[in-house]
Amino acid sequence: MTATYTKAEWELLRVWMTRIEQSILTTAPNIYNSLKPIEWPPLPAPDPHVCMPAKPRTGRPRKVALPKEVASPSPVVETV
């Protein structure tokens, strides 16, 4: 099959690599189920992971920009 392997060796390598790939993918059932052929039965898989919202901070409160008070306009004095 190749310059390095005979046809029989090449088939053995393909079988071994298939087994290795399947054993790796069975540790991640969601990925396995999305990549497997239709004929293979799906693995039971947990729901996909959803990130939780950030917890509120404890300790010192955050600095927030306070709204600027709208000062009453000072009288404009024109000098001529």
PDB file of N, CA and C in Angstrom:
ATOM      1  N   MET A   1       0.825  -1.194   0.000  1.00  0.00           N
ATOM      2  CA  MET A   1       0.000   0.000   0.000  1.00  0.00           C
ATOM      3  C   MET A   1       0.869   1.259   0.000  1.00  0.00           C
ATOM      4  N   THR A   2       1.905   1.273   0.798  1.00  0.00           N
ATOM      5  CA  THR A   2       2.833   2.407   0.798  1.00  0.00           C
ATOM      6  C   THR A   2       4.245   1.858   0.715  1.00  0.00           C
ATOM      7  N   ALA A   3       5.224   2.737   0.639  1.00  0.00           N
ATOM      8  CA  ALA A   3       6.621   2.311   0.585  1.00  0.00           C
ATOM      9  C   ALA A   3       7.066   1.741   1.927  1.00  0.00           C
ATOM     10  N   THR A   4       6.412   2.147   3.018  1.00  0.00           N
ATOM     11  CA  THR A   4       6.806   1.698   4.357  1.00  0.00           C
ATOM     12  C   THR A   4       6.051   0.448   4.799  1.00  0.00           C
ATOM     13  N   TYR A   5       4.762   0.356   4.477  1.00  0.00           N
ATOM     14  CA  TYR A   5       3.924  -0.731   4.967  1.00  0.00           C
ATOM     15  C   TYR A   5       3.405  -1.596   3.822  1.00  0.00           C
ATOM     16  N   THR A   6       3.282  -2.884   4.125  1.00  0.00           N
ATOM     17  CA  THR A   6       2.637  -3.783   3.168  1.00  0.00           C
ATOM     18  C   THR A   6       1.129  -3.594   3.274  1.00  0.00           C
ATOM     19  N   LYS A   7       0.396  -4.223   2.372  1.00  0.00           N
ATOM     20  CA  LYS A   7      -1.061  -4.087   2.385  1.00  0.00           C
ATOM     21  C   LYS A   7      -1.644  -4.621   3.695  1.00  0.00           C
ATOM     22  N   ALA A   8      -1.143  -5.752   4.171  1.00  0.00           N
ATOM     23  CA  ALA A   8      -1.640  -6.336   5.424  1.00  0.00           C
ATOM     24  C   ALA A   8      -1.319  -5.434   6.622  1.00  0.00           C
ATOM     25  N   GLU A   9      -0.106  -4.886   6.655  1.00  0.00           N
ATOM     26  CA  GLU A   9       0.270  -3.993   7.755  1.00  0.00           C
ATOM     27  C   GLU A   9      -0.577  -2.721   7.740  1.00  0.00           C
ATOM     28  N   TRP A  10      -0.812  -2.217   6.545  1.00  0.00           N
ATOM     29  CA  TRP A  10      -1.613  -1.006   6.416  1.00  0.00           C
ATOM     30  C   TRP A  10      -3.026  -1.224   6.946  1.00  0.00           C
ATOM     31  N   GLU A  11      -3.628  -2.373   6.651  1.00  0.00           N
ATOM     32  CA  GLU A  11      -4.970  -2.689   7.160  1.00  0.00           C
ATOM     33  C   GLU A  11      -4.960  -2.784   8.682  1.00  0.00           C
ATOM     34  N   LEU A  12      -3.926  -3.420   9.238  1.00  0.00           N
ATOM     35  CA  LEU A  12      -3.817  -3.493  10.704  1.00  0.00           C
ATOM     36  C   LEU A  12      -3.710  -2.096  11.314  1.00  0.00           C
ATOM     37  N   LEU A  13      -2.905  -1.246  10.725  1.00  0.00           N
ATOM     38  CA  LEU A  13      -2.773   0.122  11.235  1.00  0.00           C
ATOM     39  C   LEU A  13      -4.102   0.864  11.189  1.00  0.00           C
ATOM     40  N   ARG A  14      -4.846   0.699  10.112  1.00  0.00           N
ATOM     41  CA  ARG A  14      -6.149   1.361  10.000  1.00  0.00           C
ATOM     42  C   ARG A  14      -7.115   0.864  11.071  1.00  0.00           C
ATOM     43  N   VAL A  15      -7.112  -0.447  11.316  1.00  0.00           N
ATOM     44  CA  VAL A  15      -7.984  -1.014  12.354  1.00  0.00           C
ATOM     45  C   VAL A  15      -7.583  -0.470  13.720  1.00  0.00           C
ATOM     46  N   TRP A  16      -6.287  -0.456  14.006  1.00  0.00           N
ATOM     47  CA  TRP A  16      -5.817   0.056  15.301  1.00  0.00           C
ATOM     48  C   TRP A  16      -6.164   1.531  15.479  1.00  0.00           C
ATOM     49  N   MET A  17      -5.956   2.325  14.434  1.00  0.00           N
ATOM     50  CA  MET A  17      -6.267   3.749  14.534  1.00  0.00           C
ATOM     51  C   MET A  17      -7.768   3.983  14.722  1.00  0.00           C
ATOM     52  N   THR A  18      -8.584   3.161  14.077  1.00  0.00           N
ATOM     53  CA  THR A  18     -10.031   3.273  14.256  1.00  0.00           C
ATOM     54  C   THR A  18     -10.407   2.979  15.698  1.00  0.00           C
ATOM     55  N   ARG A  19      -9.827   1.943  16.269  1.00  0.00           N
ATOM     56  CA  ARG A  19     -10.106   1.599  17.673  1.00  0.00           C
ATOM     57  C   ARG A  19      -9.654   2.718  18.609  1.00  0.00           C
ATOM     58  N   ILE A  20      -8.486   3.272  18.349  1.00  0.00           N
ATOM     59  CA  ILE A  20      -7.979   4.360  19.192  1.00  0.00           C
ATOM     60  C   ILE A  20      -8.894   5.575  19.090  1.00  0.00           C
ATOM     61  N   GLU A  21      -9.293   5.938  17.881  1.00  0.00           N
ATOM     62  CA  GLU A  21     -10.192   7.082  17.694  1.00  0.00           C
ATOM     63  C   GLU A  21     -11.518   6.860  18.415  1.00  0.00           C
ATOM     64  N   GLN A  22     -12.066   5.663  18.308  1.00  0.00           N
ATOM     65  CA  GLN A  22     -13.338   5.380  18.970  1.00  0.00           C
ATOM     66  C   GLN A  22     -13.202   5.427  20.483  1.00  0.00           C
ATOM     67  N   SER A  23     -12.103   4.917  21.019  1.00  0.00           N
ATOM     68  CA  SER A  23     -11.931   4.954  22.477  1.00  0.00           C
ATOM     69  C   SER A  23     -11.759   6.386  22.971  1.00  0.00           C
ATOM     70  N   ILE A  24     -11.101   7.228  22.188  1.00  0.00           N
ATOM     71  CA  ILE A  24     -10.966   8.637  22.572  1.00  0.00           C
ATOM     72  C   ILE A  24     -12.319   9.328  22.509  1.00  0.00           C
ATOM     73  N   LEU A  25     -13.060   9.084  21.435  1.00  0.00           N
ATOM     74  CA  LEU A  25     -14.346   9.757  21.266  1.00  0.00           C
ATOM     75  C   LEU A  25     -15.398   9.290  22.267  1.00  0.00           C
ATOM     76  N   THR A  26     -15.293   8.081  22.780  1.00  0.00           N
ATOM     77  CA  THR A  26     -16.290   7.625  23.755  1.00  0.00           C
ATOM     78  C   THR A  26     -16.159   8.367  25.078  1.00  0.00           C
ATOM     79  N   THR A  27     -15.032   9.046  25.312  1.00  0.00           N
ATOM     80  CA  THR A  27     -14.908   9.845  26.530  1.00  0.00           C
ATOM     81  C   THR A  27     -15.657  11.170  26.391  1.00  0.00           C
ATOM     82  N   ALA A  28     -16.039  11.533  25.172  1.00  0.00           N
ATOM     83  CA  ALA A  28     -16.819  12.746  24.916  1.00  0.00           C
ATOM     84  C   ALA A  28     -18.035  12.350  24.087  1.00  0.00           C
ATOM     85  N   PRO A  29     -19.097  11.845  24.739  1.00  0.00           N
ATOM     86  CA  PRO A  29     -20.233  11.292  23.994  1.00  0.00           C
ATOM     87  C   PRO A  29     -20.939  12.278  23.065  1.00  0.00           C
ATOM     88  N   ASN A  30     -20.999  13.550  23.423  1.00  0.00           N
ATOM     89  CA  ASN A  30     -21.663  14.508  22.532  1.00  0.00           C
ATOM     90  C   ASN A  30     -20.920  14.627  21.207  1.00  0.00           C
ATOM     91  N   ILE A  31     -19.597  14.628  21.265  1.00  0.00           N
ATOM     92  CA  ILE A  31     -18.798  14.711  20.038  1.00  0.00           C
ATOM     93  C   ILE A  31     -18.898  13.405  19.269  1.00  0.00           C
ATOM     94  N   TYR A  32     -18.824  12.278  19.977  1.00  0.00           N
ATOM     95  CA  TYR A  32     -18.946  10.960  19.340  1.00  0.00           C
ATOM     96  C   TYR A  32     -20.252  10.862  18.568  1.00  0.00           C
ATOM     97  N   ASN A  33     -21.347  11.272  19.210  1.00  0.00           N
ATOM     98  CA  ASN A  33     -22.660  11.169  18.563  1.00  0.00           C
ATOM     99  C   ASN A  33     -22.761  12.069  17.338  1.00  0.00           C
ATOM    100  N   SER A  34     -22.062  13.192  17.349  1.00  0.00           N
ATOM    101  CA  SER A  34     -22.145  14.078  16.188  1.00  0.00           C
ATOM    102  C   SER A  34     -21.270  13.603  15.035  1.00  0.00           C
ATOM    103  N   LEU A  35     -20.233  12.794  15.310  1.00  0.00           N
ATOM    104  CA  LEU A  35     -19.320  12.346  14.263  1.00  0.00           C
ATOM    105  C   LEU A  35     -19.546  10.911  13.796  1.00  0.00           C
ATOM    106  N   LYS A  36     -20.293  10.134  14.542  1.00  0.00           N
ATOM    107  CA  LYS A  36     -20.448   8.705  14.228  1.00  0.00           C
ATOM    108  C   LYS A  36     -21.270   8.492  12.954  1.00  0.00           C
ATOM    109  N   PRO A  37     -21.074   7.361  12.299  1.00  0.00           N
ATOM    110  CA  PRO A  37     -21.946   7.030  11.160  1.00  0.00           C
ATOM    111  C   PRO A  37     -23.382   6.783  11.627  1.00  0.00           C
ATOM    112  N   ILE A  38     -24.324   6.923  10.748  1.00  0.00           N
ATOM    113  CA  ILE A  38     -25.737   6.774  11.098  1.00  0.00           C
ATOM    114  C   ILE A  38     -26.043   5.367  11.597  1.00  0.00           C
ATOM    115  N   GLU A  39     -25.332   4.366  11.078  1.00  0.00           N
ATOM    116  CA  GLU A  39     -25.619   2.974  11.439  1.00  0.00           C
ATOM    117  C   GLU A  39     -25.247   2.659  12.892  1.00  0.00           C
ATOM    118  N   TRP A  40     -24.321   3.386  13.476  1.00  0.00           N
ATOM    119  CA  TRP A  40     -23.875   3.096  14.838  1.00  0.00           C
ATOM    120  C   TRP A  40     -24.869   3.667  15.841  1.00  0.00           C
ATOM    121  N   PRO A  41     -25.101   2.964  16.939  1.00  0.00           N
ATOM    122  CA  PRO A  41     -26.030   3.495  17.949  1.00  0.00           C
ATOM    123  C   PRO A  41     -25.392   4.672  18.699  1.00  0.00           C
ATOM    124  N   PRO A  42     -26.200   5.654  19.067  1.00  0.00           N
ATOM    125  CA  PRO A  42     -25.636   6.786  19.806  1.00  0.00           C
ATOM    126  C   PRO A  42     -25.306   6.401  21.246  1.00  0.00           C
ATOM    127  N   LEU A  43     -24.354   7.090  21.816  1.00  0.00           N
ATOM    128  CA  LEU A  43     -24.003   6.893  23.222  1.00  0.00           C
ATOM    129  C   LEU A  43     -24.883   7.798  24.077  1.00  0.00           C
ATOM    130  N   PRO A  44     -25.244   7.339  25.280  1.00  0.00           N
ATOM    131  CA  PRO A  44     -25.979   8.249  26.160  1.00  0.00           C
ATOM    132  C   PRO A  44     -25.073   9.418  26.527  1.00  0.00           C
ATOM    133  N   ALA A  45     -25.591  10.607  26.374  1.00  0.00           N
ATOM    134  CA  ALA A  45     -24.773  11.797  26.596  1.00  0.00           C
ATOM    135  C   ALA A  45     -25.508  12.779  27.493  1.00  0.00           C
ATOM    136  N   PRO A  46     -24.750  13.492  28.318  1.00  0.00           N
ATOM    137  CA  PRO A  46     -25.394  14.548  29.123  1.00  0.00           C
ATOM    138  C   PRO A  46     -25.770  15.725  28.240  1.00  0.00           C
ATOM    139  N   ASP A  47     -26.602  16.586  28.776  1.00  0.00           N
ATOM    140  CA  ASP A  47     -26.952  17.794  28.039  1.00  0.00           C
ATOM    141  C   ASP A  47     -25.687  18.609  27.803  1.00  0.00           C
ATOM    142  N   PRO A  48     -25.642  19.330  26.701  1.00  0.00           N
ATOM    143  CA  PRO A  48     -24.461  20.172  26.453  1.00  0.00           C
ATOM    144  C   PRO A  48     -24.262  21.173  27.581  1.00  0.00           C
ATOM    145  N   HIS A  49     -23.011  21.493  27.838  1.00  0.00           N
ATOM    146  CA  HIS A  49     -22.671  22.399  28.924  1.00  0.00           C
ATOM    147  C   HIS A  49     -23.111  23.819  28.602  1.00  0.00           C
ATOM    148  N   VAL A  50     -23.737  24.453  29.584  1.00  0.00           N
ATOM    149  CA  VAL A  50     -24.147  25.840  29.441  1.00  0.00           C
ATOM    150  C   VAL A  50     -23.429  26.630  30.533  1.00  0.00           C
ATOM    151  N   CYS A  51     -22.749  27.674  30.144  1.00  0.00           N
ATOM    152  CA  CYS A  51     -22.021  28.486  31.115  1.00  0.00           C
ATOM    153  C   CYS A  51     -22.996  29.179  32.057  1.00  0.00           C
ATOM    154  N   MET A  52     -22.653  29.164  33.338  1.00  0.00           N
ATOM    155  CA  MET A  52     -23.475  29.822  34.338  1.00  0.00           C
ATOM    156  C   MET A  52     -23.167  31.319  34.319  1.00  0.00           C
ATOM    157  N   PRO A  53     -24.163  32.152  34.665  1.00  0.00           N
ATOM    158  CA  PRO A  53     -23.874  33.582  34.724  1.00  0.00           C
ATOM    159  C   PRO A  53     -22.869  33.873  35.837  1.00  0.00           C
ATOM    160  N   ALA A  54     -22.151  34.954  35.684  1.00  0.00           N
ATOM    161  CA  ALA A  54     -21.136  35.308  36.671  1.00  0.00           C
ATOM    162  C   ALA A  54     -21.793  35.582  38.021  1.00  0.00           C
ATOM    163  N   LYS A  55     -21.117  35.133  39.078  1.00  0.00           N
ATOM    164  CA  LYS A  55     -21.637  35.376  40.424  1.00  0.00           C
ATOM    165  C   LYS A  55     -21.385  36.833  40.791  1.00  0.00           C
ATOM    166  N   PRO A  56     -22.273  37.410  41.610  1.00  0.00           N
ATOM    167  CA  PRO A  56     -22.021  38.781  42.016  1.00  0.00           C
ATOM    168  C   PRO A  56     -20.745  38.854  42.855  1.00  0.00           C
ATOM    169  N   ARG A  57     -20.045  39.950  42.703  1.00  0.00           N
ATOM    170  CA  ARG A  57     -18.792  40.120  43.421  1.00  0.00           C
ATOM    171  C   ARG A  57     -19.042  40.299  44.900  1.00  0.00           C
ATOM    172  N   THR A  58     -18.142  39.772  45.677  1.00  0.00           N
ATOM    173  CA  THR A  58     -18.187  40.004  47.117  1.00  0.00           C
ATOM    174  C   THR A  58     -17.040  40.939  47.454  1.00  0.00           C
ATOM    175  N   GLY A  59     -17.137  41.561  48.584  1.00  0.00           N
ATOM    176  CA  GLY A  59     -16.054  42.450  48.986  1.00  0.00           C
ATOM    177  C   GLY A  59     -16.312  43.879  48.559  1.00  0.00           C
ATOM    178  N   ARG A  60     -15.253  44.555  48.210  1.00  0.00           N
ATOM    179  CA  ARG A  60     -15.319  45.967  47.876  1.00  0.00           C
ATOM    180  C   ARG A  60     -16.204  46.182  46.648  1.00  0.00           C
ATOM    181  N   PRO A  61     -17.133  47.136  46.746  1.00  0.00           N
ATOM    182  CA  PRO A  61     -18.007  47.384  45.585  1.00  0.00           C
ATOM    183  C   PRO A  61     -17.226  48.009  44.438  1.00  0.00           C
ATOM    184  N   ARG A  62     -17.749  47.836  43.268  1.00  0.00           N
ATOM    185  CA  ARG A  62     -17.122  48.405  42.087  1.00  0.00           C
ATOM    186  C   ARG A  62     -17.281  49.918  42.070  1.00  0.00           C
ATOM    187  N   LYS A  63     -16.313  50.551  41.458  1.00  0.00           N
ATOM    188  CA  LYS A  63     -16.422  51.995  41.266  1.00  0.00           C
ATOM    189  C   LYS A  63     -17.314  52.222  40.052  1.00  0.00           C
ATOM    190  N   VAL A  64     -18.330  53.034  40.249  1.00  0.00           N
ATOM    191  CA  VAL A  64     -19.208  53.342  39.125  1.00  0.00           C
ATOM    192  C   VAL A  64     -19.207  54.849  38.916  1.00  0.00           C
ATOM    193  N   ALA A  65     -19.369  55.234  37.718  1.00  0.00           N
ATOM    194  CA  ALA A  65     -19.414  56.664  37.419  1.00  0.00           C
ATOM    195  C   ALA A  65     -20.740  57.209  37.911  1.00  0.00           C
ATOM    196  N   LEU A  66     -20.649  58.187  38.797  1.00  0.00           N
ATOM    197  CA  LEU A  66     -21.866  58.811  39.290  1.00  0.00           C
ATOM    198  C   LEU A  66     -22.371  59.797  38.252  1.00  0.00           C
ATOM    199  N   PRO A  67     -23.669  59.896  38.104  1.00  0.00           N
ATOM    200  CA  PRO A  67     -24.167  60.869  37.131  1.00  0.00           C
ATOM    201  C   PRO A  67     -23.807  62.279  37.580  1.00  0.00           C
ATOM    202  N   LYS A  68     -23.347  63.076  36.646  1.00  0.00           N
ATOM    203  CA  LYS A  68     -22.982  64.450  36.976  1.00  0.00           C
ATOM    204  C   LYS A  68     -24.249  65.246  37.237  1.00  0.00           C
ATOM    205  N   GLU A  69     -24.167  66.034  38.308  1.00  0.00           N
ATOM    206  CA  GLU A  69     -25.322  66.865  38.631  1.00  0.00           C
ATOM    207  C   GLU A  69     -25.368  68.012  37.628  1.00  0.00           C
ATOM    208  N   VAL A  70     -26.542  68.282  37.204  1.00  0.00           N
ATOM    209  CA  VAL A  70     -26.708  69.379  36.257  1.00  0.00           C
ATOM    210  C   VAL A  70     -26.789  70.657  37.073  1.00  0.00           C
ATOM    211  N   ALA A  71     -25.735  71.443  37.001  1.00  0.00           N
ATOM    212  CA  ALA A  71     -25.702  72.693  37.757  1.00  0.00           C
ATOM    213  C   ALA A  71     -26.531  73.749  37.025  1.00  0.00           C
ATOM    214  N   SER A  72     -27.106  74.622  37.809  1.00  0.00           N
ATOM    215  CA  SER A  72     -27.867  75.694  37.172  1.00  0.00           C
ATOM    216  C   SER A  72     -26.886  76.589  36.442  1.00  0.00           C
ATOM    217  N   PRO A  73     -27.243  77.016  35.266  1.00  0.00           N
ATOM    218  CA  PRO A  73     -26.295  77.847  34.506  1.00  0.00           C
ATOM    219  C   PRO A  73     -26.014  79.142  35.243  1.00  0.00           C
ATOM    220  N   SER A  74     -24.746  79.443  35.346  1.00  0.00           N
ATOM    221  CA  SER A  74     -24.368  80.685  36.019  1.00  0.00           C
ATOM    222  C   SER A  74     -24.577  81.845  35.039  1.00  0.00           C
ATOM    223  N   PRO A  75     -24.888  82.981  35.563  1.00  0.00           N
ATOM    224  CA  PRO A  75     -25.109  84.106  34.658  1.00  0.00           C
ATOM    225  C   PRO A  75     -23.817  84.444  33.902  1.00  0.00           C
ATOM    226  N   VAL A  76     -23.954  84.666  32.640  1.00  0.00           N
ATOM    227  CA  VAL A  76     -22.813  84.983  31.804  1.00  0.00           C
ATOM    228  C   VAL A  76     -22.632  86.493  31.833  1.00  0.00           C
ATOM    229  N   VAL A  77     -21.440  86.900  32.182  1.00  0.00           N
ATOM    230  CA  VAL A  77     -21.158  88.330  32.244  1.00  0.00           C
ATOM    231  C   VAL A  77     -20.312  88.668  31.041  1.00  0.00           C
ATOM    232  N   GLU A  78     -20.828  89.577  30.226  1.00  0.00           N
ATOM    233  CA  GLU A  78     -20.066  89.983  29.056  1.00  0.00           C
ATOM    234  C   GLU A  78     -19.306  91.242  29.375  1.00  0.00           C
ATOM    235  N   THR A  79     -18.065  91.220  29.015  1.00  0.00           N
ATOM    236  CA  THR A  79     -17.265  92.431  29.196  1.00  0.00           C
ATOM    237  C   THR A  79     -16.970  93.017  27.840  1.00  0.00           C
ATOM    238  N   VAL A  80     -17.173  94.309  27.752  1.00  0.00           N
ATOM    239  CA  VAL A  80     -16.966  94.965  26.479  1.00  0.00           C
ATOM    240  C   VAL A  80     -15.772  95.879  26.566  1.00  0.00           C
TER     241      VAL A  80
END
